[in-house]
C-alpha atoms as a PDB file:
ATOM      1  CA  UNK A   1       6.849   7.965  19.821  1.00  0.00           C
ATOM      2  CA  UNK A   2      10.245   7.665  20.972  1.00  0.00           C
ATOM      3  CA  UNK A   3      11.185   3.360  21.018  1.00  0.00           C
ATOM      4  CA  UNK A   4      15.392   4.654  20.493  1.00  0.00           C
ATOM      5  CA  UNK A   5      15.616   3.527  16.645  1.00  0.00           C
ATOM      6  CA  UNK A   6      19.525   2.565  16.115  1.00  0.00           C
ATOM      7  CA  UNK A   7      19.083   4.678  12.271  1.00  0.00           C
ATOM      8  CA  UNK A   8      20.675   7.887  12.236  1.00  0.00           C
ATOM      9  CA  UNK A   9      22.278   8.110   8.296  1.00  0.00           C
ATOM     10  CA  UNK A  10      20.278   8.885   5.762  1.00  0.00           C
ATOM     11  CA  UNK A  11      21.338   6.239   3.715  1.00  0.00           C
ATOM     12  CA  UNK A  12      20.223   4.137   6.336  1.00  0.00           C
ATOM     13  CA  UNK A  13      16.728   5.230   6.744  1.00  0.00           C
ATOM     14  CA  UNK A  14      16.688   4.925   2.983  1.00  0.00           C
ATOM     15  CA  UNK A  15      17.469   1.198   2.983  1.00  0.00           C
ATOM     16  CA  UNK A  16      15.172   0.573   5.981  1.00  0.00           C
ATOM     17  CA  UNK A  17      12.046   2.440   4.739  1.00  0.00           C
ATOM     18  CA  UNK A  18      12.504   0.607   1.075  1.00  0.00           C
ATOM     19  CA  UNK A  19      13.397  -2.666   2.686  1.00  0.00           C
ATOM     20  CA  UNK A  20       9.687  -1.841   4.987  1.00  0.00           C
ATOM     21  CA  UNK A  21       7.785  -1.438   1.899  1.00  0.00           C
ATOM     22  CA  UNK A  22       8.395  -4.534   0.415  1.00  0.00           C
ATOM     23  CA  UNK A  23       7.184  -6.039   3.608  1.00  0.00           C
ATOM     24  CA  UNK A  24       3.978  -4.120   3.546  1.00  0.00           C
ATOM     25  CA  UNK A  25       3.796  -5.622   0.346  1.00  0.00           C
ATOM     26  CA  UNK A  26       3.719  -1.750  -2.092  1.00  0.00           C
ATOM     27  CA  UNK A  27       3.842  -2.917  -5.358  1.00  0.00           C
ATOM     28  CA  UNK A  28       6.488  -3.131  -7.631  1.00  0.00           C
ATOM     29  CA  UNK A  29       5.860   0.340  -9.477  1.00  0.00           C
ATOM     30  CA  UNK A  30       5.794   2.188  -6.285  1.00  0.00           C
ATOM     31  CA  UNK A  31       8.893   0.763  -4.881  1.00  0.00           C
ATOM     32  CA  UNK A  32      10.937   1.125  -8.270  1.00  0.00           C
ATOM     33  CA  UNK A  33       9.139   4.796  -7.895  1.00  0.00           C
ATOM     34  CA  UNK A  34      10.840   5.521  -4.315  1.00  0.00           C
ATOM     35  CA  UNK A  35      14.150   3.911  -4.945  1.00  0.00           C
ATOM     36  CA  UNK A  36      14.738   6.225  -8.419  1.00  0.00           C
ATOM     37  CA  UNK A  37      13.371   9.477  -6.842  1.00  0.00           C
ATOM     38  CA  UNK A  38      15.291   8.502  -2.791  1.00  0.00           C
ATOM     39  CA  UNK A  39      18.447   7.620  -4.760  1.00  0.00           C
ATOM     40  CA  UNK A  40      18.305  11.170  -6.355  1.00  0.00           C
ATOM     41  CA  UNK A  41      17.721  12.765  -3.230  1.00  0.00           C
ATOM     42  CA  UNK A  42      20.967  10.875  -1.499  1.00  0.00           C
ATOM     43  CA  UNK A  43      22.577  11.880  -4.341  1.00  0.00           C
ATOM     44  CA  UNK A  44      21.582  15.647  -3.848  1.00  0.00           C
ATOM     45  CA  UNK A  45      22.474  15.181  -0.105  1.00  0.00           C
ATOM     46  CA  UNK A  46      25.874  13.981  -0.550  1.00  0.00           C
ATOM     47  CA  UNK A  47      27.067  16.245  -3.485  1.00  0.00           C
ATOM     48  CA  UNK A  48      25.518  19.238  -1.218  1.00  0.00           C
ATOM     49  CA  UNK A  49      27.427  18.505   1.666  1.00  0.00           C
ATOM     50  CA  UNK A  50      24.160  17.791   3.647  1.00  0.00           C
ATOM     51  CA  UNK A  51      24.309  16.202   7.114  1.00  0.00           C
ATOM     52  CA  UNK A  52      24.363  12.651   7.062  1.00  0.00           C
ATOM     53  CA  UNK A  53      22.181  12.135  10.256  1.00  0.00           C
ATOM     54  CA  UNK A  54      17.832  11.479   9.013  1.00  0.00           C
ATOM     55  CA  UNK A  55      17.500  13.927  12.391  1.00  0.00           C
ATOM     56  CA  UNK A  56      19.377  16.928  11.237  1.00  0.00           C
ATOM     57  CA  UNK A  57      17.688  17.164   7.959  1.00  0.00           C
ATOM     58  CA  UNK A  58      15.166  19.775   7.956  1.00  0.00           C
ATOM     59  CA  UNK A  59      12.795  21.956   6.165  1.00  0.00           C
ATOM     60  CA  UNK A  60      14.343  24.430   4.550  1.00  0.00           C
ATOM     61  CA  UNK A  61      17.077  21.415   3.266  1.00  0.00           C
ATOM     62  CA  UNK A  62      13.874  19.986   1.942  1.00  0.00           C
ATOM     63  CA  UNK A  63      13.083  22.710  -0.123  1.00  0.00           C
ATOM     64  CA  UNK A  64      16.545  23.792  -1.542  1.00  0.00           C
ATOM     65  CA  UNK A  65      15.734  20.188  -2.835  1.00  0.00           C
ATOM     66  CA  UNK A  66      12.857  20.660  -4.966  1.00  0.00           C
ATOM     67  CA  UNK A  67      13.740  23.967  -5.984  1.00  0.00           C
ATOM     68  CA  UNK A  68      16.764  22.188  -7.198  1.00  0.00           C
ATOM     69  CA  UNK A  69      14.483  19.934  -8.939  1.00  0.00           C
ATOM     70  CA  UNK A  70      11.821  22.568 -10.481  1.00  0.00           C
ATOM     71  CA  UNK A  71      14.660  24.567 -11.650  1.00  0.00           C
ATOM     72  CA  UNK A  72      17.915  22.824 -12.512  1.00  0.00           C
ATOM     73  CA  UNK A  73      17.886  21.535 -16.180  1.00  0.00           C
ATOM     74  CA  UNK A  74      20.609  18.750 -15.859  1.00  0.00           C
ATOM     75  CA  UNK A  75      19.877  16.936 -12.849  1.00  0.00           C
ATOM     76  CA  UNK A  76      22.221  14.785 -11.156  1.00  0.00           C
ATOM     77  CA  UNK A  77      25.624  15.018 -12.897  1.00  0.00           C
ATOM     78  CA  UNK A  78      23.963  11.931 -14.737  1.00  0.00           C
ATOM     79  CA  UNK A  79      24.316  11.539 -18.474  1.00  0.00           C
ATOM     80  CA  UNK A  80      20.681  10.285 -19.107  1.00  0.00           C
ATOM     81  CA  UNK A  81      17.998  12.125 -20.993  1.00  0.00           C
ATOM     82  CA  UNK A  82      15.756  12.115 -18.856  1.00  0.00           C
ATOM     83  CA  UNK A  83      18.064  13.975 -16.357  1.00  0.00           C
ATOM     84  CA  UNK A  84      19.029  16.510 -19.186  1.00  0.00           C
ATOM     85  CA  UNK A  85      15.789  18.373 -19.632  1.00  0.00           C
ATOM     86  CA  UNK A  86      13.606  20.426 -17.496  1.00  0.00           C
ATOM     87  CA  UNK A  87      11.575  18.316 -14.666  1.00  0.00           C
ATOM     88  CA  UNK A  88       7.791  18.604 -14.901  1.00  0.00           C
ATOM     89  CA  UNK A  89       5.768  19.876 -12.190  1.00  0.00           C
ATOM     90  CA  UNK A  90       4.349  16.066 -11.650  1.00  0.00           C
ATOM     91  CA  UNK A  91       7.547  14.416 -11.418  1.00  0.00           C
ATOM     92  CA  UNK A  92       8.319  16.823  -8.454  1.00  0.00           C
ATOM     93  CA  UNK A  93       5.064  16.173  -6.650  1.00  0.00           C
ATOM     94  CA  UNK A  94       6.514  12.524  -6.904  1.00  0.00           C
ATOM     95  CA  UNK A  95       9.918  13.036  -5.485  1.00  0.00           C
ATOM     96  CA  UNK A  96       7.606  15.260  -2.395  1.00  0.00           C
ATOM     97  CA  UNK A  97       5.681  12.294  -1.809  1.00  0.00           C
ATOM     98  CA  UNK A  98       8.681   9.613  -2.168  1.00  0.00           C
ATOM     99  CA  UNK A  99      10.175  11.712   0.500  1.00  0.00           C
ATOM    100  CA  UNK A 100       6.994  12.493   2.527  1.00  0.00           C
ATOM    101  CA  UNK A 101       6.296   8.576   2.692  1.00  0.00           C
ATOM    102  CA  UNK A 102      10.053   7.962   3.801  1.00  0.00           C
ATOM    103  CA  UNK A 103      10.098  10.797   6.643  1.00  0.00           C
ATOM    104  CA  UNK A 104       6.513   9.737   7.689  1.00  0.00           C
ATOM    105  CA  UNK A 105       7.902   6.265   7.953  1.00  0.00           C
ATOM    106  CA  UNK A 106      10.252   7.713   9.902  1.00  0.00           C
ATOM    107  CA  UNK A 107       8.233   9.214  12.473  1.00  0.00           C
ATOM    108  CA  UNK A 108       6.424   5.844  12.947  1.00  0.00           C
ATOM    109  CA  UNK A 109       9.172   4.143  13.318  1.00  0.00           C
ATOM    110  CA  UNK A 110      10.740   6.151  16.347  1.00  0.00           C
ATOM    111  CA  UNK A 111      13.509   7.641  14.345  1.00  0.00           C
ATOM    112  CA  UNK A 112      12.242  10.948  14.067  1.00  0.00           C
ATOM    113  CA  UNK A 113       9.553  12.734  16.671  1.00  0.00           C
ATOM    114  CA  UNK A 114       8.618  14.672  13.438  1.00  0.00           C
ATOM    115  CA  UNK A 115       8.444  15.181   9.810  1.00  0.00           C
ATOM    116  CA  UNK A 116      10.621  18.171   8.350  1.00  0.00           C
ATOM    117  CA  UNK A 117       7.864  17.736   5.168  1.00  0.00           C
ATOM    118  CA  UNK A 118       4.982  18.718   8.185  1.00  0.00           C
ATOM    119  CA  UNK A 119       5.882  22.272   6.881  1.00  0.00           C
ATOM    120  CA  UNK A 120       6.300  22.567   3.269  1.00  0.00           C
ATOM    121  CA  UNK A 121       2.703  21.675   1.104  1.00  0.00           C
ATOM    122  CA  UNK A 122       2.710  19.676  -1.672  1.00  0.00           C
ATOM    123  CA  UNK A 123       3.405  20.911  -4.758  1.00  0.00           C
ATOM    124  CA  UNK A 124       1.268  22.341  -7.166  1.00  0.00           C
ATOM    125  CA  UNK A 125       1.420  20.792 -10.423  1.00  0.00           C
ATOM    126  CA  UNK A 126       0.243  22.173 -13.822  1.00  0.00           C
ATOM    127  CA  UNK A 127      -3.227  20.999 -14.940  1.00  0.00           C
ATOM    128  CA  UNK A 128      -3.527  19.211 -18.204  1.00  0.00           C
ATOM    129  CA  UNK A 129      -5.882  19.279 -20.696  1.00  0.00           C
ATOM    130  CA  UNK A 130      -6.793  16.825 -23.095  1.00  0.00           C
ATOM    131  CA  UNK A 131      -7.948  18.334 -25.963  1.00  0.00           C
ATOM    132  CA  UNK A 132     -10.992  15.976 -27.571  1.00  0.00           C
ATOM    133  CA  UNK A 133     -11.088  14.773 -30.559  1.00  0.00           C
ATOM    134  CA  UNK A 134     -13.311  16.554 -32.994  1.00  0.00           C
ATOM    135  CA  UNK A 135     -16.029  14.286 -35.599  1.00  0.00           C
ATOM    136  CA  UNK A 136     -14.332  14.520 -38.283  1.00  0.00           C
ATOM    137  CA  UNK A 137     -10.930  13.125 -36.307  1.00  0.00           C
ATOM    138  CA  UNK A 138     -12.794  10.342 -34.964  1.00  0.00           C
ATOM    139  CA  UNK A 139     -14.134   8.999 -38.579  1.00  0.00           C
ATOM    140  CA  UNK A 140     -10.399   8.813 -39.579  1.00  0.00           C
ATOM    141  CA  UNK A 141      -9.581   6.864 -36.627  1.00  0.00           C
ATOM    142  CA  UNK A 142     -12.678   4.520 -37.287  1.00  0.00           C
ATOM    143  CA  UNK A 143     -11.759   4.329 -40.830  1.00  0.00           C
ATOM    144  CA  UNK A 144      -8.374   2.995 -39.987  1.00  0.00           C
ATOM    145  CA  UNK A 145      -9.194   0.343 -38.160  1.00  0.00           C
ATOM    146  CA  UNK A 146      -8.249  -2.612 -40.139  1.00  0.00           C
ATOM    147  CA  UNK A 147     -10.556  -5.318 -42.128  1.00  0.00           C
ATOM    148  CA  UNK A 148     -10.231  -8.053 -39.850  1.00  0.00           C
ATOM    149  CA  UNK A 149     -12.985  -9.021 -37.634  1.00  0.00           C
ATOM    150  CA  UNK A 150     -12.055  -7.233 -34.752  1.00  0.00           C
ATOM    151  CA  UNK A 151     -11.586  -3.848 -36.712  1.00  0.00           C
ATOM    152  CA  UNK A 152     -14.414  -4.801 -38.252  1.00  0.00           C
ATOM    153  CA  UNK A 153     -16.250  -5.454 -34.649  1.00  0.00           C
ATOM    154  CA  UNK A 154     -14.699  -1.814 -33.446  1.00  0.00           C
ATOM    155  CA  UNK A 155     -15.744  -0.265 -35.800  1.00  0.00           C
ATOM    156  CA  UNK A 156     -19.815  -1.090 -35.586  1.00  0.00           C
ATOM    157  CA  UNK A 157     -19.792  -0.222 -32.184  1.00  0.00           C
ATOM    158  CA  UNK A 158     -18.011   2.858 -32.707  1.00  0.00           C
ATOM    159  CA  UNK A 159     -20.062   4.139 -35.394  1.00  0.00           C
ATOM    160  CA  UNK A 160     -23.072   3.709 -33.133  1.00  0.00           C
ATOM    161  CA  UNK A 161     -25.081   6.653 -31.712  1.00  0.00           C
ATOM    162  CA  UNK A 162     -25.587   6.421 -27.829  1.00  0.00           C
ATOM    163  CA  UNK A 163     -29.574   5.485 -26.756  1.00  0.00           C
ATOM    164  CA  UNK A 164     -28.789   7.532 -23.535  1.00  0.00           C
ATOM    165  CA  UNK A 165     -29.316   4.330 -21.189  1.00  0.00           C
ATOM    166  CA  UNK A 166     -26.964   3.802 -18.732  1.00  0.00           C
ATOM    167  CA  UNK A 167     -26.799   0.561 -16.931  1.00  0.00           C
ATOM    168  CA  UNK A 168     -25.224   1.130 -13.250  1.00  0.00           C
END
């Protein structure tokens, strides 16, 4: 799909992608996430002397960036506390998804023939197991509810035993 788009710089592609997200009505949270992750990506490309032409970005470039995220405890030369601690695998996935959205947009716009991410699987995230509260902990939570109307009502609802009848 080549419609001879003249976008070649990575910064220009990112800016046009984010503008397109706004036009498409993507949520504020999605656009903020993409902006944050792509800003970090752009910083990395400039500081590690990658080519500025989006067409020159390869799968190996992207693998290097994803490894940098995973293995570097102090990222982007930032003083922000978030960037000074190890990144979790869910955040690496967010970077991958932002890059994937941008490169797929570039293909759809005719800027690229194919996305360099097609050769890279989504990074795995560790599964988080949430420990359930035991009955003593549940009773502590219920007893900590205030003696207001809402607290009394909530205590009453919380102490009911389920009947087993569930409506669809």
